Structures are given as C-alpha cells and as structure tokens.
Amino acid sequence: SGKSVWQIGDVDSEIIFYMVGKQLRSSSSTTFEGSIVEASKELEGTYACAAVDLWRPGYIMLFTNQQEIFYYYSPSLNQVIFSTDFNILRGALECAGFTVLDNYKNSVPPHSGLRINADSAKLRPFLLASEKTTEKVTGKIIQGRFGHMEAG
C-alpha cells in the first residue's frame, strides 16, 4: 500500500498485530502461532498481548517479551482473565467473588507465549523468536488442562 508500518498504526498494539497479519499473509503454511513468533523477531521494547485466531476462534494467544502475564481460566464462565500485574488480577478476581489461593500464580514467562484452547481448556506454550532458553509456562496444570479456582 506504500505506507510504512509507522503510518498504519496509532498505538503499539496495532503495529504488532499488523506485523503478525503480514506474516500470515506472506506464507500459506504459516500458523497464527508461527506468525507471532516470526513477528517477534522484528519487535523491540516491552509488550504483552492477547489475540484470538479468527480462523480458529476457540484459540486465544497470550504472548510477552519482557514481563510475565498472569492468567486465570474459569471453566464455569469459559473465560480467560489476564494481567501483567498479579495483584491487579487477584484483586479483580476477589471482587468478583473468587477465592484466590496464595500459591496460585499461573503465568506466561517473558519471551514466550501460550496458546489456549478455550473449548477444551488445553494449553500449549511456545517460545518467541528472541528467546534462546526454554522457560516453561508455570501454573497448576493437571493432565494438560488449566488449574482453576471456584467462585466462593
């Protein structure tokens, strides 16, 4: 279109998702997850994002480069709630009537992502291209499913 990336977006997240979309369009074999990994090769700065795969709307992607993303999955509500600040997440959950255990901290570590299948509650961690180590997504995962808290 002749526009640079900087002319297309007004905020950082628009540019990040433009780059992910560009990766998707550039190769028919690229997956949404793969497009995120490829776009991360060109990104600098701090970001934490969530996205839905429009071709597979039951899949949610959380990804971050320099900070943790804390998340909570509610099977009864079929919702994922997340924040880069655990205390904010905890406060929101407690205000909604959930009991948050002290040792409960599901998170996506820096330089990684998490693909969440909202229908089956299965998750698959992945590393962003900028990270060379193999950190694991932390949290209470039982048989490939989310740990969860019940409303109290």
N, C-alpha and C. Protein backbone atom coordinates (compact mmCIF):
# COMPACT_ATOMS: atom_id res chain seq x y z
N SER A 1 0.82 -1.20 0.00
CA SER A 1 0.00 0.00 0.00
C SER A 1 0.85 1.25 0.00
N GLY A 2 2.16 1.12 0.14
CA GLY A 2 3.03 2.29 0.13
C GLY A 2 3.20 2.95 1.48
N LYS A 3 2.44 2.56 2.46
CA LYS A 3 2.56 3.14 3.80
C LYS A 3 3.57 2.34 4.60
N SER A 4 4.30 3.04 5.45
CA SER A 4 5.20 2.32 6.35
C SER A 4 4.37 1.81 7.53
N VAL A 5 4.94 0.90 8.28
CA VAL A 5 4.25 0.37 9.46
C VAL A 5 3.89 1.50 10.40
N TRP A 6 4.75 2.47 10.54
CA TRP A 6 4.52 3.57 11.49
C TRP A 6 3.36 4.44 11.09
N GLN A 7 3.00 4.47 9.80
CA GLN A 7 1.87 5.26 9.35
C GLN A 7 0.55 4.51 9.52
N ILE A 8 0.60 3.21 9.65
CA ILE A 8 -0.61 2.41 9.71
C ILE A 8 -1.22 2.40 11.10
N GLY A 9 -0.41 2.33 12.13
CA GLY A 9 -0.92 2.19 13.49
C GLY A 9 -0.81 3.46 14.30
N ASP A 10 -1.77 3.64 15.20
CA ASP A 10 -1.74 4.76 16.13
C ASP A 10 -1.14 4.37 17.48
N VAL A 11 -1.24 3.10 17.83
CA VAL A 11 -0.68 2.61 19.09
C VAL A 11 0.16 1.37 18.80
N ASP A 12 1.02 1.02 19.75
CA ASP A 12 1.95 -0.10 19.55
C ASP A 12 1.25 -1.40 19.18
N SER A 13 0.13 -1.69 19.85
CA SER A 13 -0.53 -2.97 19.59
C SER A 13 -1.02 -3.08 18.15
N GLU A 14 -1.43 -1.96 17.56
CA GLU A 14 -1.85 -2.00 16.16
C GLU A 14 -0.69 -2.42 15.27
N ILE A 15 0.49 -1.94 15.58
CA ILE A 15 1.67 -2.27 14.79
C ILE A 15 2.04 -3.74 14.99
N ILE A 16 1.98 -4.20 16.22
CA ILE A 16 2.29 -5.61 16.50
C ILE A 16 1.35 -6.51 15.71
N PHE A 17 0.06 -6.23 15.74
CA PHE A 17 -0.89 -7.10 15.05
C PHE A 17 -0.83 -6.92 13.53
N TYR A 18 -0.44 -5.74 13.07
CA TYR A 18 -0.19 -5.56 11.63
C TYR A 18 0.95 -6.48 11.20
N MET A 19 2.01 -6.53 12.00
CA MET A 19 3.16 -7.37 11.66
C MET A 19 2.80 -8.86 11.71
N VAL A 20 1.98 -9.25 12.67
CA VAL A 20 1.53 -10.65 12.74
C VAL A 20 0.70 -10.97 11.50
N GLY A 21 -0.21 -10.08 11.13
CA GLY A 21 -1.03 -10.29 9.94
C GLY A 21 -0.20 -10.34 8.67
N LYS A 22 0.82 -9.51 8.60
CA LYS A 22 1.72 -9.51 7.44
C LYS A 22 2.41 -10.86 7.33
N GLN A 23 2.84 -11.42 8.45
CA GLN A 23 3.47 -12.75 8.43
C GLN A 23 2.48 -13.81 7.97
N LEU A 24 1.24 -13.71 8.41
CA LEU A 24 0.22 -14.68 8.00
C LEU A 24 -0.01 -14.63 6.49
N ARG A 25 -0.05 -13.42 5.94
CA ARG A 25 -0.29 -13.26 4.50
C ARG A 25 0.90 -13.66 3.65
N SER A 26 2.10 -13.63 4.23
CA SER A 26 3.30 -13.87 3.43
C SER A 26 3.55 -15.35 3.14
N SER A 27 2.92 -16.24 3.86
CA SER A 27 3.14 -17.67 3.65
C SER A 27 1.87 -18.45 3.99
N SER A 28 1.43 -19.26 3.06
CA SER A 28 0.20 -20.03 3.30
C SER A 28 0.41 -21.12 4.35
N SER A 29 1.66 -21.49 4.62
CA SER A 29 1.91 -22.54 5.60
C SER A 29 2.12 -22.00 7.01
N THR A 30 2.15 -20.69 7.17
CA THR A 30 2.38 -20.09 8.48
C THR A 30 1.13 -20.17 9.34
N THR A 31 1.27 -20.65 10.56
CA THR A 31 0.16 -20.68 11.50
C THR A 31 0.08 -19.34 12.23
N PHE A 32 -1.01 -19.12 12.92
CA PHE A 32 -1.16 -17.90 13.71
C PHE A 32 -0.05 -17.82 14.76
N GLU A 33 0.17 -18.93 15.43
CA GLU A 33 1.25 -19.00 16.43
C GLU A 33 2.61 -18.73 15.77
N GLY A 34 2.86 -19.34 14.62
CA GLY A 34 4.12 -19.13 13.90
C GLY A 34 4.28 -17.69 13.46
N SER A 35 3.18 -17.04 13.09
CA SER A 35 3.23 -15.64 12.69
C SER A 35 3.61 -14.73 13.85
N ILE A 36 3.14 -15.07 15.04
CA ILE A 36 3.51 -14.32 16.24
C ILE A 36 5.01 -14.46 16.48
N VAL A 37 5.50 -15.70 16.38
CA VAL A 37 6.93 -15.96 16.60
C VAL A 37 7.76 -15.20 15.57
N GLU A 38 7.37 -15.25 14.29
CA GLU A 38 8.12 -14.55 13.24
C GLU A 38 8.08 -13.04 13.44
N ALA A 39 6.93 -12.49 13.79
CA ALA A 39 6.82 -11.04 14.01
C ALA A 39 7.67 -10.61 15.20
N SER A 40 7.80 -11.48 16.20
CA SER A 40 8.58 -11.12 17.39
C SER A 40 10.05 -10.90 17.06
N LYS A 41 10.53 -11.46 15.96
CA LYS A 41 11.92 -11.25 15.56
C LYS A 41 12.21 -9.79 15.25
N GLU A 42 11.18 -9.06 14.84
CA GLU A 42 11.36 -7.67 14.44
C GLU A 42 10.94 -6.67 15.51
N LEU A 43 10.45 -7.14 16.64
CA LEU A 43 9.92 -6.25 17.66
C LEU A 43 10.95 -5.96 18.74
N GLU A 44 10.93 -4.73 19.22
CA GLU A 44 11.76 -4.31 20.35
C GLU A 44 10.85 -3.62 21.35
N GLY A 45 11.34 -3.48 22.56
CA GLY A 45 10.54 -2.81 23.59
C GLY A 45 9.73 -3.82 24.38
N THR A 46 8.91 -3.30 25.27
CA THR A 46 8.11 -4.14 26.15
C THR A 46 6.70 -4.26 25.61
N TYR A 47 6.22 -5.49 25.52
CA TYR A 47 4.84 -5.70 25.11
C TYR A 47 4.30 -6.98 25.73
N ALA A 48 3.01 -6.98 25.96
CA ALA A 48 2.27 -8.16 26.40
C ALA A 48 0.93 -8.09 25.68
N CYS A 49 0.60 -9.13 24.94
CA CYS A 49 -0.58 -9.08 24.07
C CYS A 49 -1.46 -10.30 24.22
N ALA A 50 -2.70 -10.12 23.84
CA ALA A 50 -3.65 -11.22 23.71
C ALA A 50 -4.29 -11.10 22.34
N ALA A 51 -4.53 -12.24 21.71
CA ALA A 51 -5.13 -12.24 20.39
C ALA A 51 -5.99 -13.49 20.23
N VAL A 52 -6.98 -13.38 19.35
CA VAL A 52 -7.83 -14.51 19.01
C VAL A 52 -7.55 -14.87 17.56
N ASP A 53 -7.38 -16.14 17.28
CA ASP A 53 -7.17 -16.63 15.93
C ASP A 53 -8.53 -16.64 15.23
N LEU A 54 -8.73 -15.76 14.25
CA LEU A 54 -10.04 -15.64 13.61
C LEU A 54 -10.40 -16.87 12.78
N TRP A 55 -9.41 -17.65 12.38
CA TRP A 55 -9.69 -18.89 11.65
C TRP A 55 -10.04 -20.01 12.62
N ARG A 56 -9.64 -19.88 13.85
CA ARG A 56 -9.94 -20.85 14.90
C ARG A 56 -10.32 -20.06 16.14
N PRO A 57 -11.53 -19.51 16.17
CA PRO A 57 -11.90 -18.57 17.24
C PRO A 57 -11.89 -19.15 18.65
N GLY A 58 -11.79 -20.45 18.79
CA GLY A 58 -11.68 -21.04 20.12
C GLY A 58 -10.29 -20.94 20.70
N TYR A 59 -9.34 -20.41 19.91
CA TYR A 59 -7.95 -20.32 20.36
C TYR A 59 -7.60 -18.88 20.73
N ILE A 60 -7.03 -18.74 21.91
CA ILE A 60 -6.58 -17.44 22.41
C ILE A 60 -5.07 -17.52 22.57
N MET A 61 -4.37 -16.49 22.15
CA MET A 61 -2.92 -16.43 22.30
C MET A 61 -2.56 -15.32 23.27
N LEU A 62 -1.75 -15.64 24.26
CA LEU A 62 -1.13 -14.65 25.13
C LEU A 62 0.35 -14.71 24.83
N PHE A 63 1.00 -13.55 24.64
CA PHE A 63 2.44 -13.56 24.40
C PHE A 63 3.07 -12.28 24.93
N THR A 64 4.32 -12.41 25.35
CA THR A 64 5.01 -11.30 26.01
C THR A 64 6.50 -11.40 25.79
N ASN A 65 7.18 -10.26 25.82
CA ASN A 65 8.63 -10.34 25.63
C ASN A 65 9.44 -10.03 26.88
N GLN A 66 8.99 -9.13 27.76
CA GLN A 66 9.85 -8.76 28.88
C GLN A 66 9.18 -8.84 30.24
N GLN A 67 7.94 -9.22 30.30
CA GLN A 67 7.25 -9.28 31.59
C GLN A 67 6.32 -10.49 31.60
N GLU A 68 6.01 -10.97 32.78
CA GLU A 68 5.09 -12.10 32.90
C GLU A 68 3.66 -11.65 32.62
N ILE A 69 2.87 -12.57 32.10
CA ILE A 69 1.43 -12.38 32.01
C ILE A 69 0.81 -13.41 32.97
N PHE A 70 0.08 -12.92 33.94
CA PHE A 70 -0.61 -13.81 34.87
C PHE A 70 -2.01 -14.05 34.34
N TYR A 71 -2.49 -15.28 34.42
CA TYR A 71 -3.79 -15.58 33.85
C TYR A 71 -4.59 -16.49 34.77
N TYR A 72 -5.89 -16.45 34.56
CA TYR A 72 -6.82 -17.30 35.28
C TYR A 72 -7.86 -17.78 34.28
N TYR A 73 -8.17 -19.05 34.29
CA TYR A 73 -9.21 -19.60 33.43
C TYR A 73 -10.37 -20.06 34.29
N SER A 74 -11.56 -19.60 33.97
CA SER A 74 -12.77 -20.02 34.67
C SER A 74 -13.54 -20.99 33.78
N PRO A 75 -13.52 -22.29 34.12
CA PRO A 75 -14.27 -23.24 33.31
C PRO A 75 -15.78 -22.96 33.32
N SER A 76 -16.29 -22.52 34.46
CA SER A 76 -17.73 -22.28 34.55
C SER A 76 -18.16 -21.09 33.69
N LEU A 77 -17.29 -20.10 33.54
CA LEU A 77 -17.60 -18.94 32.70
C LEU A 77 -17.02 -19.06 31.30
N ASN A 78 -16.14 -20.04 31.09
CA ASN A 78 -15.42 -20.22 29.83
C ASN A 78 -14.71 -18.92 29.43
N GLN A 79 -13.98 -18.34 30.39
CA GLN A 79 -13.28 -17.08 30.17
C GLN A 79 -11.85 -17.18 30.67
N VAL A 80 -10.98 -16.45 29.98
CA VAL A 80 -9.59 -16.27 30.41
C VAL A 80 -9.46 -14.82 30.84
N ILE A 81 -8.93 -14.62 32.04
CA ILE A 81 -8.71 -13.28 32.57
C ILE A 81 -7.21 -13.16 32.80
N PHE A 82 -6.61 -12.06 32.38
CA PHE A 82 -5.16 -11.95 32.50
C PHE A 82 -4.74 -10.52 32.79
N SER A 83 -3.52 -10.40 33.31
CA SER A 83 -2.93 -9.10 33.61
C SER A 83 -1.42 -9.28 33.74
N THR A 84 -0.68 -8.23 33.49
CA THR A 84 0.76 -8.28 33.73
C THR A 84 1.09 -7.98 35.19
N ASP A 85 0.09 -7.63 35.97
CA ASP A 85 0.27 -7.36 37.39
C ASP A 85 -0.58 -8.35 38.18
N PHE A 86 0.06 -9.27 38.91
CA PHE A 86 -0.68 -10.31 39.63
C PHE A 86 -1.62 -9.71 40.66
N ASN A 87 -1.22 -8.65 41.35
CA ASN A 87 -2.07 -8.05 42.38
C ASN A 87 -3.35 -7.47 41.79
N ILE A 88 -3.27 -6.91 40.59
CA ILE A 88 -4.47 -6.40 39.93
C ILE A 88 -5.39 -7.56 39.56
N LEU A 89 -4.82 -8.63 39.01
CA LEU A 89 -5.62 -9.81 38.67
C LEU A 89 -6.27 -10.39 39.91
N ARG A 90 -5.49 -10.54 40.96
CA ARG A 90 -6.00 -11.10 42.22
C ARG A 90 -7.14 -10.24 42.77
N GLY A 91 -6.95 -8.92 42.79
CA GLY A 91 -7.99 -8.02 43.28
C GLY A 91 -9.27 -8.10 42.48
N ALA A 92 -9.14 -8.17 41.16
CA ALA A 92 -10.32 -8.27 40.30
C ALA A 92 -11.06 -9.58 40.55
N LEU A 93 -10.31 -10.66 40.69
CA LEU A 93 -10.94 -11.96 40.95
C LEU A 93 -11.64 -11.97 42.30
N GLU A 94 -10.98 -11.41 43.31
CA GLU A 94 -11.59 -11.37 44.65
C GLU A 94 -12.84 -10.51 44.66
N CYS A 95 -12.82 -9.38 43.93
CA CYS A 95 -14.02 -8.53 43.84
C CYS A 95 -15.17 -9.27 43.16
N ALA A 96 -14.84 -10.20 42.27
CA ALA A 96 -15.86 -10.98 41.56
C ALA A 96 -16.32 -12.19 42.38
N GLY A 97 -15.77 -12.35 43.58
CA GLY A 97 -16.21 -13.43 44.45
C GLY A 97 -15.41 -14.71 44.38
N PHE A 98 -14.26 -14.67 43.73
CA PHE A 98 -13.40 -15.85 43.67
C PHE A 98 -12.44 -15.86 44.84
N THR A 99 -12.16 -17.04 45.35
CA THR A 99 -11.15 -17.21 46.39
C THR A 99 -9.83 -17.50 45.70
N VAL A 100 -8.84 -16.66 45.94
CA VAL A 100 -7.54 -16.83 45.30
C VAL A 100 -6.57 -17.42 46.31
N LEU A 101 -6.06 -18.58 46.02
CA LEU A 101 -5.10 -19.23 46.92
C LEU A 101 -3.76 -18.53 46.82
N ASP A 102 -3.03 -18.46 47.94
CA ASP A 102 -1.74 -17.76 47.96
C ASP A 102 -0.74 -18.34 46.97
N ASN A 103 -0.78 -19.64 46.74
CA ASN A 103 0.21 -20.27 45.86
C ASN A 103 -0.27 -20.35 44.41
N TYR A 104 -1.37 -19.71 44.09
CA TYR A 104 -1.92 -19.79 42.73
C TYR A 104 -1.35 -18.65 41.88
N LYS A 105 -0.48 -18.98 40.97
CA LYS A 105 0.06 -17.98 40.05
C LYS A 105 0.34 -18.63 38.71
N ASN A 106 -0.68 -18.79 37.88
CA ASN A 106 -0.46 -19.25 36.52
C ASN A 106 0.15 -18.09 35.75
N SER A 107 1.21 -18.36 34.99
CA SER A 107 1.82 -17.25 34.27
C SER A 107 2.46 -17.70 32.97
N VAL A 108 2.58 -16.74 32.07
CA VAL A 108 3.34 -16.89 30.84
C VAL A 108 4.63 -16.11 31.09
N PRO A 109 5.79 -16.77 31.10
CA PRO A 109 7.04 -16.07 31.41
C PRO A 109 7.50 -15.17 30.26
N PRO A 110 8.43 -14.27 30.52
CA PRO A 110 8.97 -13.42 29.46
C PRO A 110 9.49 -14.24 28.29
N HIS A 111 9.42 -13.65 27.11
CA HIS A 111 9.93 -14.23 25.86
C HIS A 111 9.19 -15.50 25.46
N SER A 112 7.91 -15.56 25.79
CA SER A 112 7.15 -16.76 25.43
C SER A 112 5.69 -16.42 25.20
N GLY A 113 4.96 -17.43 24.80
CA GLY A 113 3.54 -17.29 24.57
C GLY A 113 2.80 -18.53 25.03
N LEU A 114 1.49 -18.43 25.02
CA LEU A 114 0.65 -19.53 25.43
C LEU A 114 -0.56 -19.57 24.51
N ARG A 115 -0.76 -20.73 23.85
CA ARG A 115 -1.97 -20.92 23.04
C ARG A 115 -2.98 -21.64 23.92
N ILE A 116 -4.14 -21.03 24.07
CA ILE A 116 -5.20 -21.57 24.92
C ILE A 116 -6.35 -22.03 24.04
N ASN A 117 -6.74 -23.27 24.18
CA ASN A 117 -7.94 -23.77 23.52
C ASN A 117 -9.09 -23.56 24.50
N ALA A 118 -9.88 -22.54 24.25
CA ALA A 118 -10.94 -22.18 25.19
C ALA A 118 -12.03 -23.24 25.28
N ASP A 119 -12.17 -24.06 24.23
CA ASP A 119 -13.20 -25.09 24.25
C ASP A 119 -12.81 -26.29 25.10
N SER A 120 -11.55 -26.70 25.03
CA SER A 120 -11.11 -27.88 25.78
C SER A 120 -10.28 -27.54 27.02
N ALA A 121 -9.91 -26.26 27.17
CA ALA A 121 -9.06 -25.79 28.27
C ALA A 121 -7.65 -26.35 28.19
N LYS A 122 -7.25 -26.84 27.03
CA LYS A 122 -5.87 -27.31 26.86
C LYS A 122 -5.00 -26.12 26.49
N LEU A 123 -3.74 -26.18 26.90
CA LEU A 123 -2.84 -25.09 26.58
C LEU A 123 -1.53 -25.61 26.02
N ARG A 124 -0.92 -24.78 25.18
CA ARG A 124 0.36 -25.14 24.60
C ARG A 124 1.28 -23.92 24.64
N PRO A 125 2.36 -24.01 25.42
CA PRO A 125 3.31 -22.90 25.48
C PRO A 125 4.20 -22.89 24.23
N PHE A 126 4.70 -21.71 23.90
CA PHE A 126 5.66 -21.58 22.82
C PHE A 126 6.64 -20.46 23.15
N LEU A 127 7.81 -20.52 22.55
CA LEU A 127 8.84 -19.50 22.76
C LEU A 127 8.81 -18.49 21.64
N LEU A 128 9.03 -17.23 21.99
CA LEU A 128 9.18 -16.21 20.97
C LEU A 128 10.57 -16.33 20.36
N ALA A 129 10.73 -15.79 19.18
CA ALA A 129 11.97 -15.96 18.43
C ALA A 129 13.17 -15.34 19.12
N SER A 130 12.95 -14.35 19.96
CA SER A 130 14.06 -13.65 20.59
C SER A 130 14.65 -14.41 21.77
N GLU A 131 13.98 -15.45 22.22
CA GLU A 131 14.43 -16.16 23.42
C GLU A 131 15.15 -17.45 23.05
N LYS A 132 16.31 -17.66 23.64
CA LYS A 132 17.12 -18.84 23.34
C LYS A 132 17.01 -19.92 24.41
N THR A 133 16.44 -19.59 25.57
CA THR A 133 16.32 -20.59 26.63
C THR A 133 14.96 -21.24 26.57
N THR A 134 14.77 -22.25 27.33
CA THR A 134 13.48 -22.95 27.33
C THR A 134 12.82 -22.80 28.69
N GLU A 135 12.15 -21.68 28.89
CA GLU A 135 11.39 -21.48 30.12
C GLU A 135 10.05 -22.19 29.95
N LYS A 136 9.48 -22.62 31.03
CA LYS A 136 8.19 -23.30 30.97
C LYS A 136 7.09 -22.37 31.46
N VAL A 137 5.94 -22.50 30.86
CA VAL A 137 4.78 -21.78 31.37
C VAL A 137 4.46 -22.38 32.73
N THR A 138 4.34 -21.51 33.73
CA THR A 138 4.11 -22.01 35.08
C THR A 138 2.63 -22.03 35.39
N GLY A 139 2.28 -22.76 36.39
CA GLY A 139 0.89 -22.80 36.81
C GLY A 139 0.48 -24.21 37.14
N LYS A 140 -0.67 -24.30 37.67
CA LYS A 140 -1.22 -25.57 38.11
C LYS A 140 -1.92 -26.22 36.92
N ILE A 141 -1.20 -27.09 36.23
CA ILE A 141 -1.75 -27.73 35.04
C ILE A 141 -1.91 -29.22 35.34
N ILE A 142 -3.09 -29.72 35.22
CA ILE A 142 -3.37 -31.12 35.51
C ILE A 142 -3.85 -31.78 34.22
N GLN A 143 -3.14 -32.79 33.75
CA GLN A 143 -3.46 -33.51 32.52
C GLN A 143 -3.67 -32.55 31.36
N GLY A 144 -2.78 -31.58 31.22
CA GLY A 144 -2.85 -30.65 30.11
C GLY A 144 -3.97 -29.64 30.20
N ARG A 145 -4.60 -29.53 31.34
CA ARG A 145 -5.70 -28.58 31.50
C ARG A 145 -5.31 -27.52 32.53
N PHE A 146 -6.04 -26.42 32.52
CA PHE A 146 -5.77 -25.36 33.48
C PHE A 146 -6.10 -25.80 34.88
N GLY A 147 -5.29 -25.34 35.83
CA GLY A 147 -5.74 -25.37 37.21
C GLY A 147 -6.83 -24.31 37.31
N HIS A 148 -7.71 -24.40 38.24
CA HIS A 148 -8.74 -23.38 38.32
C HIS A 148 -9.18 -23.16 39.77
N MET A 149 -9.80 -22.02 39.97
CA MET A 149 -10.35 -21.67 41.26
C MET A 149 -11.86 -21.67 41.11
N GLU A 150 -12.55 -21.93 42.14
CA GLU A 150 -14.01 -21.91 42.09
C GLU A 150 -14.53 -20.65 42.77
N ALA A 151 -15.65 -20.16 42.28
CA ALA A 151 -16.26 -18.99 42.90
C ALA A 151 -16.66 -19.33 44.33
N GLY A 152 -16.43 -18.39 45.23
CA GLY A 152 -16.72 -18.66 46.63
C GLY A 152 -17.80 -17.78 47.18
